[in-house]
Amino acid sequence: MRISHQMLHNQTINRMQQNASRMAETYEQAASGKKVVRASDSPQAAVDAMKLHGQLAEMEQFKANQDKGVLFMDELDSKLQNMSSILQRINELGIQANSDVLFNGERDLLNKELGELTEELKSIASHSIQGEFLFTGSAATGLAPGQETSPAKHILAARGTAVEVSIPAETVFGPNNELFDMLSTMKTALDNNEHVDLGAIKESSDRVADALALTGARKNRLDSIQNRMEDSKIEQKALLSKVEDIDFAEVLTKLKSEEAVYQASLAATSKLYTTSLVDYLR
């Protein structure tokens, strides 16, 4: 077969371009740190990477929801702890009030302290975070405008998993605001020098204790969801790294090899063209 000078030229140029193209592709991988720079590099790997990126983005949104839920839970726990301490003090006032050795002036002091504690309980009962109430439902009537119609607060902690982070007011204050009715009755008893119903105070304290236990259980559940999601996120990132990230040592070695091949092709081509028709015409 006759090989013309033009044919040899074309073949040489094509091989040089192929070598240059491979070297450029490897250089781009080394510069970006990614195996797949364009979807055309590996369609299947590109699809897998997109799915993993989507799952990680979804996890980040769930994490933001979980953080907000933790904020609500921590605030709720703090307010319930305060309520428990206040009711404990109110119980102490009731025990003192039921003592037969108290003078009228001392009962007045107890009544004033009871009034301050009652106002503090009302403040806690109507507490909200970013306009959303911790205690919701019809039992919250009379505490804050709109509180009795406010819906229960839920957060989407994971796909298909919602966690309630508010507590129905009835759970804490009792049906029809029994807690505040009890405080009003206690005030009247102090005014009239009558015995205080300690059993009613204990019922209110027990409701708050039950609400604390419920909050603790929900917080433990949310912590468990967070821990599982963190483990899943680590696994997803490891998979994404396998799909996307290069082995730098391997790629740099490959790049050096391809540079050597390209330089060799340049050298060979330059020698091929040292002899031309002009040389024969000298």
Protein backbone atom coordinates (compact mmCIF):
# COMPACT_ATOMS: atom_id res chain seq x y z
CA MET A 1 0.00 0.00 0.00
CA ARG A 2 1.32 3.38 -0.95
CA ILE A 3 1.66 5.78 2.00
CA SER A 4 1.70 9.38 0.95
CA HIS A 5 3.31 12.23 2.78
CA GLN A 6 -0.16 13.73 3.41
CA MET A 7 -1.48 10.47 4.89
CA LEU A 8 1.47 10.23 7.23
CA HIS A 9 0.96 13.85 8.22
CA ASN A 10 -2.74 13.29 8.99
CA GLN A 11 -2.13 10.15 11.06
CA THR A 12 0.60 11.85 13.05
CA ILE A 13 -1.55 14.90 13.78
CA ASN A 14 -4.52 12.70 14.83
CA ARG A 15 -2.39 10.73 17.28
CA MET A 16 -0.91 13.91 18.72
CA GLN A 17 -4.41 15.35 19.20
CA GLN A 18 -5.57 12.14 20.89
CA ASN A 19 -2.58 12.28 23.25
CA ALA A 20 -3.20 15.96 23.94
CA SER A 21 -6.93 15.31 24.55
CA ARG A 22 -6.23 12.51 27.07
CA MET A 23 -3.67 14.68 28.84
CA ALA A 24 -6.11 17.63 28.97
CA GLU A 25 -8.85 15.39 30.41
CA THR A 26 -6.54 14.03 33.10
CA TYR A 27 -5.30 17.55 33.89
CA GLU A 28 -8.91 18.74 34.27
CA GLN A 29 -9.59 15.90 36.71
CA ALA A 30 -6.47 16.78 38.72
CA ALA A 31 -7.41 20.48 38.77
CA SER A 32 -11.05 19.87 39.82
CA GLY A 33 -10.45 16.87 42.05
CA LYS A 34 -13.46 15.18 40.42
CA LYS A 35 -13.69 12.08 38.27
CA VAL A 36 -16.74 13.40 36.44
CA VAL A 37 -16.35 16.98 35.28
CA ARG A 38 -19.15 16.78 32.69
CA ALA A 39 -22.10 14.41 32.49
CA SER A 40 -20.74 13.09 29.20
CA ASP A 41 -17.61 11.84 31.00
CA SER A 42 -19.68 9.11 32.69
CA PRO A 43 -23.49 9.40 32.44
CA GLN A 44 -24.15 6.71 35.07
CA ALA A 45 -21.70 8.27 37.57
CA ALA A 46 -23.24 11.69 36.92
CA VAL A 47 -26.74 10.34 37.66
CA ASP A 48 -25.53 8.62 40.85
CA ALA A 49 -23.80 11.82 42.00
CA MET A 50 -26.94 13.90 41.38
CA LYS A 51 -29.03 11.46 43.43
CA LEU A 52 -26.53 11.52 46.30
CA HIS A 53 -26.34 15.33 46.22
CA GLY A 54 -30.14 15.46 46.35
CA GLN A 55 -30.26 13.11 49.34
CA LEU A 56 -27.61 15.16 51.18
CA ALA A 57 -29.51 18.39 50.48
CA GLU A 58 -32.67 16.77 51.86
CA MET A 59 -30.77 15.72 54.99
CA GLU A 60 -29.55 19.29 55.49
CA GLN A 61 -33.15 20.53 55.42
CA PHE A 62 -34.18 17.85 57.91
CA LYS A 63 -31.26 18.92 60.11
CA ALA A 64 -32.52 22.52 60.05
CA ASN A 65 -35.96 21.25 61.09
CA GLN A 66 -34.42 19.14 63.86
CA ASP A 67 -32.43 22.11 65.17
CA LYS A 68 -35.62 24.15 65.37
CA GLY A 69 -37.32 21.25 67.14
CA VAL A 70 -34.47 21.05 69.66
CA LEU A 71 -34.86 24.80 70.28
CA PHE A 72 -38.56 24.33 71.03
CA MET A 73 -37.93 21.27 73.20
CA ASP A 74 -35.19 22.96 75.23
CA GLU A 75 -37.35 26.04 75.78
CA LEU A 76 -40.34 23.89 76.69
CA ASP A 77 -38.26 21.85 79.14
CA SER A 78 -36.89 25.05 80.73
CA LYS A 79 -40.38 26.57 81.17
CA LEU A 80 -41.81 23.37 82.61
CA GLN A 81 -38.89 23.16 85.06
CA ASN A 82 -39.66 26.74 86.11
CA MET A 83 -43.33 25.86 86.55
CA SER A 84 -42.41 22.86 88.67
CA SER A 85 -40.25 25.03 90.95
CA ILE A 86 -42.99 27.65 91.25
CA LEU A 87 -45.62 25.06 92.14
CA GLN A 88 -43.27 23.60 94.72
CA ARG A 89 -43.01 27.06 96.29
CA ILE A 90 -46.81 27.47 96.11
CA ASN A 91 -47.18 24.16 97.93
CA GLU A 92 -44.85 25.48 100.65
CA LEU A 93 -47.00 28.61 100.91
CA GLY A 94 -50.10 26.40 101.26
CA ILE A 95 -48.48 24.39 104.06
CA GLN A 96 -47.57 27.63 105.86
CA ALA A 97 -51.07 29.03 105.31
CA ASN A 98 -52.62 25.92 106.90
CA SER A 99 -50.62 26.52 110.07
CA ASP A 100 -52.81 27.74 112.94
CA VAL A 101 -50.04 29.95 114.34
CA LEU A 102 -50.00 32.44 111.43
CA PHE A 103 -51.04 36.03 112.01
CA ASN A 104 -53.11 38.04 109.53
CA GLY A 105 -50.08 40.06 108.45
CA GLU A 106 -48.19 36.88 107.61
CA ARG A 107 -51.11 35.58 105.54
CA ASP A 108 -51.10 38.86 103.63
CA LEU A 109 -47.43 38.35 102.80
CA LEU A 110 -48.17 34.83 101.61
CA ASN A 111 -51.00 36.19 99.47
CA LYS A 112 -48.74 38.81 97.86
CA GLU A 113 -46.11 36.21 97.05
CA LEU A 114 -48.83 33.96 95.63
CA GLY A 115 -49.93 36.82 93.38
CA GLU A 116 -46.40 37.28 92.03
CA LEU A 117 -46.01 33.54 91.44
CA THR A 118 -49.38 33.45 89.65
CA GLU A 119 -48.29 36.23 87.28
CA GLU A 120 -45.05 34.36 86.58
CA LEU A 121 -47.01 31.20 85.75
CA LYS A 122 -49.26 33.18 83.37
CA SER A 123 -46.17 34.61 81.67
CA ILE A 124 -44.74 31.12 81.21
CA ALA A 125 -48.08 29.75 80.00
CA SER A 126 -48.31 32.34 77.20
CA HIS A 127 -44.66 32.07 76.16
CA SER A 128 -43.92 31.80 72.44
CA ILE A 129 -40.90 31.39 70.16
CA GLN A 130 -40.93 33.34 66.90
CA GLY A 131 -44.68 33.83 67.31
CA GLU A 132 -45.43 30.14 67.92
CA PHE A 133 -46.82 29.13 71.32
CA LEU A 134 -45.30 26.35 73.42
CA PHE A 135 -48.71 25.51 74.92
CA THR A 136 -51.62 25.25 72.47
CA GLY A 137 -55.32 24.44 72.37
CA SER A 138 -58.58 25.52 73.95
CA ALA A 139 -57.25 25.17 77.53
CA ALA A 140 -55.05 28.21 76.77
CA THR A 141 -58.11 30.48 76.60
CA GLY A 142 -57.47 33.84 78.28
CA LEU A 143 -53.67 33.55 78.29
CA ALA A 144 -52.65 35.32 75.08
CA PRO A 145 -54.61 36.51 72.02
CA GLY A 146 -55.07 33.65 69.58
CA GLN A 147 -53.34 31.09 71.78
CA GLU A 148 -56.45 28.96 72.24
CA THR A 149 -56.79 28.53 68.45
CA SER A 150 -53.09 28.01 67.74
CA PRO A 151 -52.39 24.59 66.17
CA ALA A 152 -50.01 22.02 67.60
CA LYS A 153 -46.45 22.55 66.40
CA HIS A 154 -44.87 19.66 64.46
CA ILE A 155 -41.50 19.43 62.73
CA LEU A 156 -40.62 17.04 59.92
CA ALA A 157 -37.54 15.41 61.43
CA ALA A 158 -37.02 12.83 58.67
CA ARG A 159 -38.84 11.54 55.62
CA GLY A 160 -42.28 10.45 56.83
CA THR A 161 -41.42 11.23 60.47
CA ALA A 162 -43.07 14.19 62.21
CA VAL A 163 -42.41 15.05 65.86
CA GLU A 164 -44.71 17.28 67.92
CA VAL A 165 -42.68 19.91 69.78
CA SER A 166 -45.49 21.83 71.48
CA ILE A 167 -47.73 20.55 74.26
CA PRO A 168 -51.52 20.91 74.55
CA ALA A 169 -52.29 23.46 77.26
CA GLU A 170 -54.77 21.01 78.80
CA THR A 171 -51.92 18.57 79.51
CA VAL A 172 -50.20 21.18 81.68
CA PHE A 173 -52.98 23.39 83.06
CA GLY A 174 -55.76 20.83 83.17
CA PRO A 175 -59.23 21.06 81.57
CA ASN A 176 -60.72 24.57 81.65
CA ASN A 177 -57.55 26.08 83.10
CA GLU A 178 -57.81 24.19 86.40
CA LEU A 179 -54.32 25.36 87.42
CA PHE A 180 -55.32 29.02 87.46
CA ASP A 181 -58.70 28.24 89.03
CA MET A 182 -56.78 26.48 91.81
CA LEU A 183 -54.60 29.57 92.32
CA SER A 184 -57.67 31.81 92.44
CA THR A 185 -59.29 29.52 95.01
CA MET A 186 -56.09 29.52 97.06
CA LYS A 187 -56.02 33.32 97.04
CA THR A 188 -59.62 33.42 98.26
CA ALA A 189 -58.76 30.93 101.04
CA LEU A 190 -55.88 33.14 102.18
CA ASP A 191 -58.12 36.22 102.11
CA ASN A 192 -60.77 34.46 104.22
CA ASN A 193 -58.35 32.76 106.60
CA GLU A 194 -59.40 29.32 105.34
CA HIS A 195 -57.40 26.15 104.78
CA VAL A 196 -55.71 25.73 101.39
CA ASP A 197 -56.46 22.60 99.33
CA LEU A 198 -52.99 21.03 99.07
CA GLY A 199 -54.39 18.15 97.05
CA ALA A 200 -55.29 20.52 94.19
CA ILE A 201 -51.74 21.90 94.21
CA LYS A 202 -50.37 18.35 94.03
CA GLU A 203 -52.62 17.57 91.03
CA SER A 204 -51.21 20.60 89.21
CA SER A 205 -47.64 19.60 90.08
CA ASP A 206 -48.29 16.06 88.83
CA ARG A 207 -49.57 17.40 85.49
CA VAL A 208 -46.41 19.46 85.05
CA ALA A 209 -44.29 16.42 85.95
CA ASP A 210 -46.15 14.36 83.32
CA ALA A 211 -45.56 17.11 80.74
CA LEU A 212 -41.85 17.09 81.61
CA ALA A 213 -41.72 13.33 81.10
CA LEU A 214 -43.52 13.67 77.73
CA THR A 215 -41.10 16.39 76.65
CA GLY A 216 -38.13 14.28 77.68
CA ALA A 217 -39.43 11.30 75.71
CA ARG A 218 -39.93 13.42 72.59
CA LYS A 219 -36.50 14.97 72.95
CA ASN A 220 -34.92 11.50 73.25
CA ARG A 221 -36.76 10.45 70.11
CA LEU A 222 -35.51 13.53 68.26
CA ASP A 223 -31.95 12.88 69.46
CA SER A 224 -32.19 9.32 68.18
CA ILE A 225 -33.39 10.55 64.77
CA GLN A 226 -30.54 13.07 64.65
CA ASN A 227 -27.93 10.42 65.47
CA ARG A 228 -29.25 8.04 62.80
CA MET A 229 -29.29 10.81 60.23
CA GLU A 230 -25.72 11.85 61.05
CA ASP A 231 -24.60 8.24 60.52
CA SER A 232 -26.51 8.10 57.25
CA LYS A 233 -24.97 11.42 56.14
CA ILE A 234 -21.46 10.07 56.74
CA GLU A 235 -22.28 6.99 54.64
CA GLN A 236 -23.79 9.10 51.84
CA LYS A 237 -20.74 11.38 51.75
CA ALA A 238 -18.44 8.34 51.57
CA LEU A 239 -20.46 6.98 48.62
CA LEU A 240 -20.40 10.37 46.92
CA SER A 241 -16.64 10.55 47.37
CA LYS A 242 -16.25 7.15 45.69
CA VAL A 243 -18.39 8.31 42.77
CA GLU A 244 -16.96 11.81 42.36
CA ASP A 245 -13.54 12.20 43.95
CA ILE A 246 -10.29 11.16 42.29
CA ASP A 247 -7.33 9.35 43.77
CA PHE A 248 -4.81 12.21 43.52
CA ALA A 249 -1.74 9.95 43.61
CA GLU A 250 -3.16 7.78 40.81
CA VAL A 251 -4.25 10.74 38.67
CA LEU A 252 -0.97 12.63 39.06
CA THR A 253 0.97 9.50 38.08
CA LYS A 254 -1.29 9.10 35.06
CA LEU A 255 -0.81 12.76 34.17
CA LYS A 256 2.98 12.43 34.27
CA SER A 257 2.76 9.35 32.05
CA GLU A 258 0.52 11.10 29.53
CA GLU A 259 2.78 14.15 29.49
CA ALA A 260 5.71 11.86 28.69
CA VAL A 261 3.75 10.18 25.88
CA TYR A 262 2.77 13.56 24.45
CA GLN A 263 6.32 14.88 24.60
CA ALA A 264 7.54 11.68 22.92
CA SER A 265 4.98 12.09 20.15
CA LEU A 266 6.13 15.67 19.61
CA ALA A 267 9.76 14.57 19.42
CA ALA A 268 8.98 11.73 17.02
CA THR A 269 6.93 14.03 14.80
CA SER A 270 9.68 16.65 14.67
CA LYS A 271 12.16 14.01 13.51
CA LEU A 272 9.71 12.72 10.93
CA TYR A 273 9.54 16.10 9.26
CA THR A 274 13.23 16.97 9.33
CA THR A 275 13.54 15.46 5.86
CA SER A 276 11.29 17.07 3.26
CA LEU A 277 11.24 17.77 -0.50
CA VAL A 278 13.20 20.93 0.13
CA ASP A 279 16.12 18.85 1.44
CA TYR A 280 16.29 16.96 -1.85
CA LEU A 281 16.30 20.22 -3.85
CA ARG A 282 19.40 21.61 -2.10
